[in-house]
Protein backbone atom coordinates (compact mmCIF):
# COMPACT_ATOMS: atom_id res chain seq x y z
CA MET A 1 19.70 -68.23 27.77
CA GLU A 2 19.87 -71.77 29.54
CA ALA A 3 22.73 -74.09 29.63
CA THR A 4 21.79 -77.28 29.21
CA PRO A 5 22.69 -79.55 31.93
CA LYS A 6 25.13 -82.37 31.07
CA ASN A 7 24.22 -86.10 31.37
CA LEU A 8 24.85 -87.66 34.78
CA SER A 9 27.37 -90.04 33.35
CA GLU A 10 29.56 -87.29 32.06
CA LEU A 11 29.79 -85.47 35.80
CA LYS A 12 32.79 -86.00 37.55
CA ASP A 13 32.83 -87.90 40.88
CA GLN A 14 32.84 -84.36 42.83
CA GLU A 15 30.08 -82.73 40.98
CA LEU A 16 28.00 -86.04 41.53
CA LEU A 17 28.59 -85.95 45.09
CA ALA A 18 27.56 -82.32 44.89
CA GLU A 19 24.37 -83.00 42.89
CA ALA A 20 23.42 -85.62 45.34
CA LYS A 21 23.74 -83.27 48.43
CA LYS A 22 21.80 -80.68 46.62
CA GLN A 23 19.14 -82.91 46.00
CA LYS A 24 18.77 -84.13 49.67
CA SER A 25 18.65 -81.03 51.14
CA GLY A 26 16.29 -79.55 48.25
CA ALA A 27 14.24 -82.38 49.12
CA ILE A 28 13.83 -81.42 52.63
CA ILE A 29 13.14 -77.95 51.96
CA ASN A 30 10.50 -78.96 48.98
CA ALA A 31 8.81 -81.34 51.94
CA VAL A 32 8.72 -78.62 54.42
CA PHE A 33 7.19 -76.03 51.67
CA ILE A 34 4.70 -78.84 49.97
CA GLY A 35 3.25 -79.65 53.66
CA PHE A 36 2.96 -75.94 54.17
CA LEU A 37 0.88 -75.60 50.96
CA VAL A 38 -1.05 -78.96 51.65
CA GLY A 39 -2.02 -77.20 54.55
CA ILE A 40 -3.38 -73.86 53.06
CA VAL A 41 -5.49 -76.08 50.70
CA PHE A 42 -6.78 -78.06 53.76
CA TYR A 43 -7.76 -75.16 55.62
CA SER A 44 -9.29 -73.24 52.18
CA VAL A 45 -11.51 -76.52 52.04
CA LEU A 46 -12.64 -76.65 55.63
CA SER A 47 -13.59 -72.95 55.30
CA ASN A 48 -15.37 -73.29 52.08
CA ALA A 49 -13.11 -70.82 50.36
CA TYR A 50 -12.80 -72.09 47.09
CA GLY A 51 -11.16 -70.46 44.43
CA TRP A 52 -7.32 -69.32 43.48
CA PHE A 53 -6.71 -69.72 47.14
CA THR A 54 -7.10 -73.59 46.57
CA LEU A 55 -5.78 -73.93 43.11
CA LEU A 56 -2.33 -71.88 43.11
CA PRO A 57 -0.93 -73.97 46.16
CA LEU A 58 -2.01 -77.04 43.99
CA PHE A 59 0.08 -75.58 41.02
CA LEU A 60 2.97 -74.86 42.99
CA VAL A 61 2.94 -78.02 44.82
CA TYR A 62 2.90 -79.56 41.33
CA LYS A 63 5.88 -77.39 40.03
CA LEU A 64 7.91 -78.48 43.14
CA VAL A 65 7.63 -82.05 42.39
CA LYS A 66 8.43 -81.76 38.81
CA ASN A 67 11.17 -79.27 39.62
CA SER A 68 14.07 -81.60 39.80
CA LYS A 69 16.99 -81.48 36.94
CA TYR A 70 18.24 -84.99 37.47
CA SER A 71 16.30 -87.92 38.76
CA THR A 72 17.46 -89.22 42.13
CA LYS A 73 17.27 -92.79 41.75
CA GLU A 74 19.50 -92.17 38.72
CA VAL A 75 22.10 -90.32 41.01
CA GLU A 76 21.92 -92.96 43.66
CA VAL A 77 22.48 -95.51 40.66
CA LEU A 78 25.70 -93.66 39.33
CA LEU A 79 26.84 -93.07 42.81
CA LYS A 80 26.74 -97.06 44.00
CA GLU A 81 28.32 -97.86 40.55
CA ARG A 82 31.40 -95.78 41.32
CA GLY A 83 31.75 -96.84 44.71
CA LEU A 84 30.97 -93.26 45.92
CA ARG A 85 28.75 -94.45 48.88
């Protein structure tokens, strides 16, 4: 069973700062991984190897982009409202 995430406005200051830090480090890791997967797609297109080798990385890129629990913009707005940044 998965616990439902709290609403961003219900988070305490420390929790909100931790979420912002986690999003920042997660974004860097995701960017590196997405770049690697896009490289695999380009290689497979250039070597004319269409199929799962092309479709699977595209699916993984989509899942990585849609994965974040909270919107980055919402977190930034709340940090600015509370004067934490």
